[in-house]
N, C-alpha and C. Protein backbone atom coordinates (compact mmCIF):
# COMPACT_ATOMS: atom_id res chain seq x y z
N MET A 1 89.57 134.81 104.25
CA MET A 1 89.92 133.44 103.89
C MET A 1 88.69 132.57 104.06
N THR A 2 88.42 131.71 103.10
CA THR A 2 87.24 130.84 103.16
C THR A 2 87.43 129.77 104.22
N SER A 3 86.30 129.17 104.64
CA SER A 3 86.42 128.11 105.66
C SER A 3 87.18 126.92 105.11
N LYS A 4 86.99 126.61 103.81
CA LYS A 4 87.73 125.49 103.21
C LYS A 4 89.22 125.78 103.22
N ARG A 5 89.58 127.01 102.86
CA ARG A 5 90.99 127.39 102.87
C ARG A 5 91.54 127.35 104.29
N ARG A 6 90.80 127.87 105.25
CA ARG A 6 91.25 127.89 106.64
C ARG A 6 91.46 126.47 107.13
N ARG A 7 90.50 125.59 106.84
CA ARG A 7 90.61 124.20 107.28
C ARG A 7 91.86 123.55 106.70
N THR A 8 92.14 123.81 105.42
CA THR A 8 93.32 123.23 104.78
C THR A 8 94.59 123.76 105.43
N ARG A 9 94.66 125.07 105.63
CA ARG A 9 95.87 125.67 106.18
C ARG A 9 96.12 125.23 107.62
N GLU A 10 95.06 124.97 108.39
CA GLU A 10 95.23 124.60 109.79
C GLU A 10 95.43 123.11 109.97
N GLY A 11 95.35 122.33 108.90
CA GLY A 11 95.51 120.89 108.99
C GLY A 11 96.94 120.50 109.32
N HIS A 12 97.16 119.23 109.44
CA HIS A 12 98.49 118.71 109.78
C HIS A 12 99.26 118.39 108.51
N GLY A 13 100.58 118.49 108.58
CA GLY A 13 101.43 118.13 107.46
C GLY A 13 101.64 119.28 106.50
N SER A 14 102.47 119.02 105.52
CA SER A 14 102.76 120.03 104.51
C SER A 14 101.53 120.26 103.64
N LEU A 15 101.55 121.34 102.87
CA LEU A 15 100.44 121.58 101.96
C LEU A 15 100.31 120.47 100.94
N ALA A 16 101.44 119.93 100.48
CA ALA A 16 101.39 118.82 99.52
C ALA A 16 100.73 117.60 100.15
N GLU A 17 101.03 117.32 101.41
CA GLU A 17 100.42 116.19 102.12
C GLU A 17 98.92 116.42 102.29
N GLN A 18 98.55 117.65 102.64
CA GLN A 18 97.14 117.97 102.79
C GLN A 18 96.40 117.83 101.45
N ALA A 19 97.02 118.33 100.37
CA ALA A 19 96.41 118.22 99.04
C ALA A 19 96.24 116.75 98.67
N TYR A 20 97.28 115.96 98.92
CA TYR A 20 97.23 114.53 98.63
C TYR A 20 96.05 113.88 99.35
N SER A 21 95.95 114.13 100.65
CA SER A 21 94.89 113.51 101.45
C SER A 21 93.50 113.94 100.98
N LEU A 22 93.33 115.22 100.71
CA LEU A 22 92.02 115.72 100.29
C LEU A 22 91.62 115.19 98.91
N ILE A 23 92.55 115.21 97.96
CA ILE A 23 92.24 114.72 96.61
C ILE A 23 91.99 113.22 96.64
N ARG A 24 92.83 112.49 97.36
CA ARG A 24 92.66 111.04 97.48
C ARG A 24 91.29 110.70 98.06
N GLU A 25 90.90 111.42 99.11
CA GLU A 25 89.60 111.16 99.73
C GLU A 25 88.47 111.43 98.74
N LYS A 26 88.57 112.50 97.97
CA LYS A 26 87.53 112.80 96.98
C LYS A 26 87.45 111.71 95.91
N ILE A 27 88.60 111.16 95.54
CA ILE A 27 88.60 110.07 94.56
C ILE A 27 87.94 108.83 95.17
N LEU A 28 88.35 108.48 96.39
CA LEU A 28 87.82 107.26 97.01
C LEU A 28 86.34 107.39 97.38
N ARG A 29 85.89 108.61 97.63
CA ARG A 29 84.46 108.84 97.91
C ARG A 29 83.63 108.84 96.62
N GLY A 30 84.32 108.93 95.47
CA GLY A 30 83.60 109.01 94.21
C GLY A 30 83.21 110.43 93.83
N GLU A 31 83.67 111.43 94.59
CA GLU A 31 83.39 112.82 94.24
C GLU A 31 84.13 113.20 92.96
N PHE A 32 85.29 112.58 92.74
CA PHE A 32 86.00 112.65 91.47
C PHE A 32 85.86 111.24 90.88
N PRO A 33 84.91 111.02 89.99
CA PRO A 33 84.66 109.67 89.50
C PRO A 33 85.78 109.14 88.61
N LEU A 34 85.79 107.84 88.43
CA LEU A 34 86.77 107.21 87.55
C LEU A 34 86.71 107.87 86.18
N GLY A 35 87.88 108.22 85.65
CA GLY A 35 87.97 108.85 84.33
C GLY A 35 87.83 110.36 84.35
N ALA A 36 87.49 110.95 85.49
CA ALA A 36 87.28 112.40 85.57
C ALA A 36 88.60 113.15 85.35
N ALA A 37 88.51 114.23 84.59
CA ALA A 37 89.68 115.09 84.38
C ALA A 37 89.96 115.88 85.65
N LEU A 38 91.25 116.05 85.96
CA LEU A 38 91.67 116.82 87.13
C LEU A 38 92.60 117.94 86.67
N SER A 39 92.20 119.17 86.93
CA SER A 39 93.01 120.33 86.61
C SER A 39 93.78 120.75 87.85
N ARG A 40 95.10 120.79 87.76
CA ARG A 40 95.91 121.20 88.90
C ARG A 40 95.55 122.61 89.35
N ARG A 41 95.35 123.49 88.40
CA ARG A 41 95.02 124.88 88.74
C ARG A 41 93.66 124.97 89.44
N LYS A 42 92.66 124.27 88.92
CA LYS A 42 91.34 124.29 89.55
C LYS A 42 91.39 123.66 90.94
N LEU A 43 92.14 122.58 91.07
CA LEU A 43 92.29 121.94 92.39
C LEU A 43 92.95 122.89 93.37
N GLY A 44 93.97 123.63 92.90
CA GLY A 44 94.63 124.61 93.76
C GLY A 44 93.66 125.65 94.27
N ILE A 45 92.81 126.14 93.39
CA ILE A 45 91.81 127.13 93.78
C ILE A 45 90.82 126.52 94.77
N GLN A 46 90.34 125.32 94.46
CA GLN A 46 89.40 124.61 95.34
C GLN A 46 89.98 124.40 96.74
N LEU A 47 91.25 124.03 96.79
CA LEU A 47 91.88 123.71 98.07
C LEU A 47 92.51 124.91 98.75
N GLY A 48 92.53 126.05 98.06
CA GLY A 48 93.09 127.26 98.64
C GLY A 48 94.60 127.22 98.77
N MET A 49 95.25 126.65 97.76
CA MET A 49 96.71 126.57 97.79
C MET A 49 97.25 126.74 96.37
N SER A 50 98.54 126.90 96.28
CA SER A 50 99.15 127.14 94.98
C SER A 50 99.26 125.85 94.16
N PHE A 51 99.68 126.04 92.95
CA PHE A 51 99.86 124.96 91.97
C PHE A 51 100.88 123.92 92.45
N LEU A 52 101.96 124.36 93.09
CA LEU A 52 103.07 123.47 93.45
C LEU A 52 102.66 122.33 94.40
N PRO A 53 102.02 122.59 95.55
CA PRO A 53 101.65 121.45 96.40
C PRO A 53 100.64 120.51 95.73
N VAL A 54 99.76 121.08 94.90
CA VAL A 54 98.80 120.24 94.19
C VAL A 54 99.54 119.35 93.19
N SER A 55 100.54 119.90 92.50
CA SER A 55 101.34 119.10 91.56
C SER A 55 102.08 117.98 92.28
N GLU A 56 102.63 118.29 93.45
CA GLU A 56 103.31 117.25 94.24
C GLU A 56 102.33 116.16 94.64
N ALA A 57 101.12 116.56 95.04
CA ALA A 57 100.09 115.59 95.43
C ALA A 57 99.70 114.72 94.24
N ILE A 58 99.55 115.33 93.08
CA ILE A 58 99.18 114.57 91.87
C ILE A 58 100.28 113.56 91.54
N GLN A 59 101.53 113.95 91.68
CA GLN A 59 102.63 113.00 91.42
C GLN A 59 102.54 111.80 92.36
N ARG A 60 102.26 112.06 93.61
CA ARG A 60 102.14 110.96 94.57
C ARG A 60 100.93 110.08 94.25
N LEU A 61 99.83 110.69 93.83
CA LEU A 61 98.64 109.93 93.45
C LEU A 61 98.90 109.10 92.19
N GLU A 62 99.74 109.63 91.30
CA GLU A 62 100.16 108.84 90.12
C GLU A 62 100.96 107.62 90.57
N HIS A 63 101.88 107.84 91.51
CA HIS A 63 102.69 106.74 92.03
C HIS A 63 101.80 105.68 92.67
N ASP A 64 100.74 106.12 93.35
CA ASP A 64 99.79 105.20 93.99
C ASP A 64 98.89 104.50 92.97
N GLY A 65 98.87 105.01 91.76
CA GLY A 65 98.03 104.41 90.72
C GLY A 65 96.61 104.92 90.68
N LEU A 66 96.32 106.00 91.41
CA LEU A 66 94.96 106.53 91.41
C LEU A 66 94.68 107.50 90.28
N VAL A 67 95.71 108.19 89.80
CA VAL A 67 95.54 109.11 88.67
C VAL A 67 96.60 108.82 87.63
N GLU A 68 96.35 109.30 86.43
CA GLU A 68 97.35 109.18 85.37
C GLU A 68 97.41 110.50 84.62
N SER A 69 98.61 110.86 84.21
CA SER A 69 98.83 112.08 83.44
C SER A 69 99.45 111.72 82.11
N ARG A 70 98.97 112.38 81.08
CA ARG A 70 99.51 112.16 79.74
C ARG A 70 99.79 113.51 79.10
N PRO A 71 100.93 113.62 78.42
CA PRO A 71 101.23 114.89 77.73
C PRO A 71 100.12 115.25 76.74
N ARG A 72 99.78 116.51 76.71
CA ARG A 72 98.77 117.08 75.81
C ARG A 72 97.36 116.52 76.01
N VAL A 73 97.19 115.69 77.04
CA VAL A 73 95.86 115.16 77.36
C VAL A 73 95.44 115.64 78.74
N GLY A 74 96.37 115.61 79.68
CA GLY A 74 96.09 116.06 81.04
C GLY A 74 96.08 114.92 82.03
N THR A 75 95.52 115.24 83.19
CA THR A 75 95.47 114.29 84.30
C THR A 75 94.02 113.88 84.51
N ARG A 76 93.83 112.61 84.80
CA ARG A 76 92.49 112.11 85.08
C ARG A 76 92.57 111.03 86.15
N VAL A 77 91.43 110.76 86.76
CA VAL A 77 91.34 109.66 87.72
C VAL A 77 91.45 108.39 86.90
N ARG A 78 92.39 107.55 87.30
CA ARG A 78 92.67 106.34 86.55
C ARG A 78 91.55 105.32 86.69
N ILE A 79 91.22 104.69 85.60
CA ILE A 79 90.22 103.61 85.60
C ILE A 79 91.00 102.29 85.71
N PRO A 80 90.86 101.59 86.83
CA PRO A 80 91.63 100.35 86.99
C PRO A 80 91.12 99.25 86.06
N THR A 81 92.03 98.46 85.59
CA THR A 81 91.66 97.30 84.79
C THR A 81 91.30 96.15 85.73
N SER A 82 90.68 95.12 85.21
CA SER A 82 90.36 93.97 86.05
C SER A 82 91.65 93.32 86.58
N GLN A 83 92.72 93.36 85.78
CA GLN A 83 94.01 92.82 86.25
C GLN A 83 94.57 93.67 87.39
N ASP A 84 94.43 95.00 87.29
CA ASP A 84 94.86 95.88 88.39
C ASP A 84 94.18 95.48 89.69
N LEU A 85 92.88 95.27 89.62
CA LEU A 85 92.11 94.92 90.82
C LEU A 85 92.52 93.56 91.37
N ARG A 86 92.69 92.58 90.49
CA ARG A 86 93.15 91.26 90.94
C ARG A 86 94.50 91.36 91.63
N ASP A 87 95.43 92.10 91.01
CA ASP A 87 96.76 92.25 91.58
C ASP A 87 96.71 92.93 92.95
N ARG A 88 95.88 93.96 93.07
CA ARG A 88 95.77 94.67 94.36
C ARG A 88 95.25 93.73 95.45
N TYR A 89 94.25 92.92 95.11
CA TYR A 89 93.71 91.99 96.11
C TYR A 89 94.74 90.93 96.50
N ILE A 90 95.55 90.49 95.57
CA ILE A 90 96.61 89.53 95.88
C ILE A 90 97.60 90.14 96.85
N ILE A 91 98.02 91.36 96.57
CA ILE A 91 98.98 92.06 97.45
C ILE A 91 98.35 92.31 98.81
N ARG A 92 97.11 92.78 98.80
CA ARG A 92 96.42 93.07 100.06
C ARG A 92 96.31 91.81 100.91
N GLU A 93 95.96 90.69 100.30
CA GLU A 93 95.83 89.43 101.02
C GLU A 93 97.17 89.01 101.64
N ALA A 94 98.24 89.15 100.86
CA ALA A 94 99.56 88.76 101.36
C ALA A 94 99.98 89.63 102.54
N LEU A 95 99.77 90.94 102.43
CA LEU A 95 100.15 91.84 103.51
C LEU A 95 99.30 91.61 104.76
N ALA A 96 98.00 91.42 104.57
CA ALA A 96 97.11 91.20 105.71
C ALA A 96 97.43 89.87 106.41
N THR A 97 97.75 88.86 105.64
CA THR A 97 98.10 87.56 106.21
C THR A 97 99.38 87.65 107.04
N GLN A 98 100.39 88.32 106.48
CA GLN A 98 101.65 88.49 107.21
C GLN A 98 101.44 89.35 108.46
N SER A 99 100.64 90.40 108.34
CA SER A 99 100.36 91.24 109.51
C SER A 99 99.67 90.43 110.60
N ALA A 100 98.69 89.62 110.22
CA ALA A 100 97.98 88.81 111.21
C ALA A 100 98.91 87.80 111.88
N ARG A 101 99.79 87.19 111.08
CA ARG A 101 100.74 86.22 111.65
C ARG A 101 101.65 86.90 112.66
N LEU A 102 102.23 88.02 112.28
CA LEU A 102 103.14 88.73 113.18
C LEU A 102 102.39 89.29 114.40
N PHE A 103 101.18 89.78 114.18
CA PHE A 103 100.37 90.28 115.29
C PHE A 103 100.16 89.17 116.31
N SER A 104 99.83 87.96 115.84
CA SER A 104 99.57 86.85 116.77
C SER A 104 100.81 86.50 117.58
N GLU A 105 102.00 86.75 117.02
CA GLU A 105 103.24 86.46 117.72
C GLU A 105 103.67 87.59 118.66
N LYS A 106 103.42 88.84 118.29
CA LYS A 106 104.06 89.96 118.98
C LYS A 106 103.13 90.86 119.76
N ALA A 107 101.84 90.82 119.53
CA ALA A 107 100.92 91.78 120.16
C ALA A 107 100.85 91.58 121.66
N SER A 108 100.80 92.69 122.37
CA SER A 108 100.63 92.65 123.82
C SER A 108 99.17 92.36 124.14
N SER A 109 98.88 92.06 125.39
CA SER A 109 97.50 91.79 125.77
C SER A 109 96.64 93.05 125.60
N ASP A 110 97.19 94.22 125.87
CA ASP A 110 96.45 95.47 125.66
C ASP A 110 96.13 95.68 124.18
N GLU A 111 97.08 95.36 123.31
CA GLU A 111 96.84 95.49 121.87
C GLU A 111 95.77 94.51 121.40
N ARG A 112 95.79 93.31 121.97
CA ARG A 112 94.77 92.32 121.60
C ARG A 112 93.38 92.79 122.03
N ILE A 113 93.29 93.36 123.21
CA ILE A 113 92.01 93.88 123.70
C ILE A 113 91.54 95.03 122.80
N GLU A 114 92.47 95.92 122.46
CA GLU A 114 92.15 97.04 121.59
C GLU A 114 91.61 96.55 120.24
N LEU A 115 92.27 95.55 119.66
CA LEU A 115 91.84 95.03 118.36
C LEU A 115 90.50 94.33 118.44
N ARG A 116 90.24 93.64 119.55
CA ARG A 116 88.91 93.02 119.71
C ARG A 116 87.83 94.09 119.76
N SER A 117 88.10 95.17 120.45
CA SER A 117 87.15 96.28 120.52
C SER A 117 86.95 96.92 119.14
N MET A 118 88.05 97.12 118.43
CA MET A 118 87.95 97.68 117.08
C MET A 118 87.16 96.75 116.17
N ALA A 119 87.40 95.44 116.29
CA ALA A 119 86.69 94.47 115.46
C ALA A 119 85.19 94.49 115.74
N ALA A 120 84.82 94.61 117.01
CA ALA A 120 83.40 94.68 117.36
C ALA A 120 82.77 95.95 116.79
N HIS A 121 83.50 97.06 116.87
CA HIS A 121 83.00 98.32 116.31
C HIS A 121 82.86 98.21 114.79
N LEU A 122 83.85 97.60 114.15
CA LEU A 122 83.80 97.42 112.70
C LEU A 122 82.62 96.53 112.30
N ASP A 123 82.41 95.45 113.05
CA ASP A 123 81.26 94.57 112.77
C ASP A 123 79.95 95.35 112.85
N ALA A 124 79.83 96.21 113.87
CA ALA A 124 78.61 97.02 114.02
C ALA A 124 78.45 97.99 112.85
N MET A 125 79.56 98.59 112.43
CA MET A 125 79.50 99.51 111.29
C MET A 125 79.06 98.77 110.02
N MET A 126 79.62 97.59 109.80
CA MET A 126 79.28 96.82 108.60
C MET A 126 77.83 96.35 108.66
N GLU A 127 77.36 96.04 109.84
CA GLU A 127 75.95 95.65 110.01
C GLU A 127 75.04 96.80 109.60
N ARG A 128 75.41 98.04 109.98
CA ARG A 128 74.62 99.21 109.60
C ARG A 128 74.63 99.43 108.09
N CYS A 129 75.72 98.99 107.44
CA CYS A 129 75.78 99.13 105.98
C CYS A 129 74.83 98.15 105.32
N GLY A 130 74.54 97.07 106.03
CA GLY A 130 73.51 96.12 105.65
C GLY A 130 73.53 95.64 104.22
N ASN A 131 72.40 95.79 103.58
CA ASN A 131 72.19 95.19 102.26
C ASN A 131 72.63 96.08 101.10
N GLY A 132 73.41 97.09 101.36
CA GLY A 132 73.89 97.94 100.28
C GLY A 132 73.10 99.22 100.10
N ASP A 133 72.10 99.45 100.96
CA ASP A 133 71.28 100.66 100.86
C ASP A 133 71.82 101.80 101.73
N ALA A 134 72.99 101.61 102.32
CA ALA A 134 73.54 102.63 103.21
C ALA A 134 73.96 103.87 102.43
N ALA A 135 73.92 105.00 103.08
CA ALA A 135 74.34 106.27 102.48
C ALA A 135 75.83 106.20 102.14
N PRO A 136 76.24 106.90 101.10
CA PRO A 136 77.66 106.88 100.71
C PRO A 136 78.60 107.28 101.85
N ASP A 137 78.22 108.26 102.68
CA ASP A 137 79.07 108.66 103.80
C ASP A 137 79.21 107.54 104.83
N THR A 138 78.13 106.79 105.05
CA THR A 138 78.18 105.66 105.99
C THR A 138 79.13 104.59 105.46
N LEU A 139 79.03 104.30 104.17
CA LEU A 139 79.93 103.31 103.56
C LEU A 139 81.38 103.78 103.62
N PHE A 140 81.61 105.05 103.33
CA PHE A 140 82.97 105.57 103.35
C PHE A 140 83.55 105.50 104.76
N ARG A 141 82.76 105.86 105.77
CA ARG A 141 83.25 105.77 107.16
C ARG A 141 83.59 104.33 107.53
N ALA A 142 82.75 103.39 107.11
CA ALA A 142 83.02 101.97 107.41
C ALA A 142 84.29 101.51 106.70
N GLN A 143 84.46 101.91 105.44
CA GLN A 143 85.67 101.52 104.70
C GLN A 143 86.91 102.16 105.31
N THR A 144 86.80 103.41 105.73
CA THR A 144 87.93 104.10 106.35
C THR A 144 88.30 103.44 107.68
N TYR A 145 87.29 103.07 108.46
CA TYR A 145 87.55 102.39 109.73
C TYR A 145 88.15 101.00 109.48
N HIS A 146 87.67 100.33 108.45
CA HIS A 146 88.22 99.02 108.08
C HIS A 146 89.71 99.15 107.78
N LEU A 147 90.08 100.18 107.04
CA LEU A 147 91.49 100.42 106.75
C LEU A 147 92.26 100.70 108.04
N SER A 148 91.70 101.54 108.93
CA SER A 148 92.42 101.85 110.17
C SER A 148 92.58 100.60 111.04
N PHE A 149 91.61 99.70 110.99
CA PHE A 149 91.71 98.43 111.71
C PHE A 149 92.92 97.62 111.20
N HIS A 150 93.04 97.50 109.88
CA HIS A 150 94.16 96.76 109.31
C HIS A 150 95.50 97.48 109.55
N MET A 151 95.48 98.80 109.52
CA MET A 151 96.72 99.54 109.79
C MET A 151 97.15 99.36 111.24
N ARG A 152 96.18 99.27 112.14
CA ARG A 152 96.53 99.05 113.56
C ARG A 152 97.14 97.66 113.76
N ILE A 153 96.60 96.67 113.06
CA ILE A 153 97.19 95.33 113.13
C ILE A 153 98.64 95.39 112.64
N ALA A 154 98.86 96.03 111.49
CA ALA A 154 100.21 96.13 110.94
C ALA A 154 101.13 96.91 111.87
N GLU A 155 100.60 97.94 112.51
CA GLU A 155 101.40 98.74 113.44
C GLU A 155 101.86 97.89 114.63
N CYS A 156 101.00 97.01 115.09
CA CYS A 156 101.33 96.16 116.25
C CYS A 156 102.36 95.08 115.92
N THR A 157 102.69 94.88 114.66
CA THR A 157 103.68 93.86 114.29
C THR A 157 105.10 94.30 114.62
N GLY A 158 105.29 95.60 114.79
CA GLY A 158 106.65 96.11 115.05
C GLY A 158 107.49 96.20 113.79
N SER A 159 106.88 96.09 112.62
CA SER A 159 107.60 96.17 111.36
C SER A 159 107.21 97.45 110.61
N PRO A 160 108.05 98.49 110.70
CA PRO A 160 107.74 99.73 109.99
C PRO A 160 107.58 99.52 108.47
N ALA A 161 108.37 98.62 107.90
CA ALA A 161 108.28 98.37 106.46
C ALA A 161 106.92 97.76 106.10
N LEU A 162 106.44 96.83 106.90
CA LEU A 162 105.14 96.22 106.65
C LEU A 162 104.04 97.27 106.80
N LEU A 163 104.14 98.11 107.80
CA LEU A 163 103.15 99.16 108.01
C LEU A 163 103.14 100.13 106.82
N ARG A 164 104.33 100.56 106.37
CA ARG A 164 104.41 101.48 105.22
C ARG A 164 103.80 100.86 103.98
N ARG A 165 104.14 99.62 103.71
CA ARG A 165 103.65 98.97 102.49
C ARG A 165 102.14 98.73 102.58
N SER A 166 101.67 98.40 103.78
CA SER A 166 100.24 98.18 103.97
C SER A 166 99.45 99.46 103.76
N ALA A 167 100.06 100.59 104.07
CA ALA A 167 99.37 101.88 103.97
C ALA A 167 99.35 102.43 102.55
N THR A 168 100.08 101.82 101.64
CA THR A 168 100.15 102.37 100.29
C THR A 168 99.03 101.87 99.40
N SER A 169 99.23 101.96 98.16
CA SER A 169 98.19 101.90 97.14
C SER A 169 97.36 100.63 97.08
N CYS A 170 97.74 99.54 97.70
CA CYS A 170 96.94 98.33 97.53
C CYS A 170 95.53 98.49 98.09
N TRP A 171 95.27 99.49 98.93
CA TRP A 171 93.93 99.72 99.48
C TRP A 171 93.11 100.65 98.61
N ASN A 172 93.74 101.38 97.69
CA ASN A 172 93.04 102.44 96.99
C ASN A 172 91.78 102.00 96.28
N TRP A 173 91.86 101.01 95.42
CA TRP A 173 90.68 100.60 94.68
C TRP A 173 89.91 99.52 95.42
N CYS A 174 90.57 98.85 96.34
CA CYS A 174 89.92 97.75 97.03
C CYS A 174 88.79 98.26 97.91
N SER A 175 88.83 99.54 98.28
CA SER A 175 87.81 100.04 99.19
C SER A 175 86.65 100.70 98.47
N ARG A 176 86.69 100.77 97.15
CA ARG A 176 85.60 101.45 96.42
C ARG A 176 84.47 100.50 96.11
């Protein structure tokens, strides 16, 4: 078994969840560029899993708006329109504002300390990204940490619905 296959099999969650996470990360990293064709069979081979979990992952990515499938054309990484991006930022702003409001009302002192520490770490990461000359991996780590920072704020609100909605597709293109 290859190391890639072993890593996938030993990961957390179902194979479909693992496929979703791996494919989504490759899209957000730009390893699968906007407009790139995605073959379910080739992805299955790459990820060391069968067609079925990859198909389930692709369906979820379609729901998130990251990929699109068309009969007799195939599946590709979706190219967002300018309206898509505007809409995502509007939703993201509304969710972040509500999360911040609820956090200010409900967060414990330990949660506030944790968030201050996360914010300082995030500021340092963004400083290292500097003027845009940072390596793609550095930028991706900063964007991923930025998302985890916002997810932690949403988690501290005590609203599972807000956390679920915050974790969905409104972050997908906003972080690229």
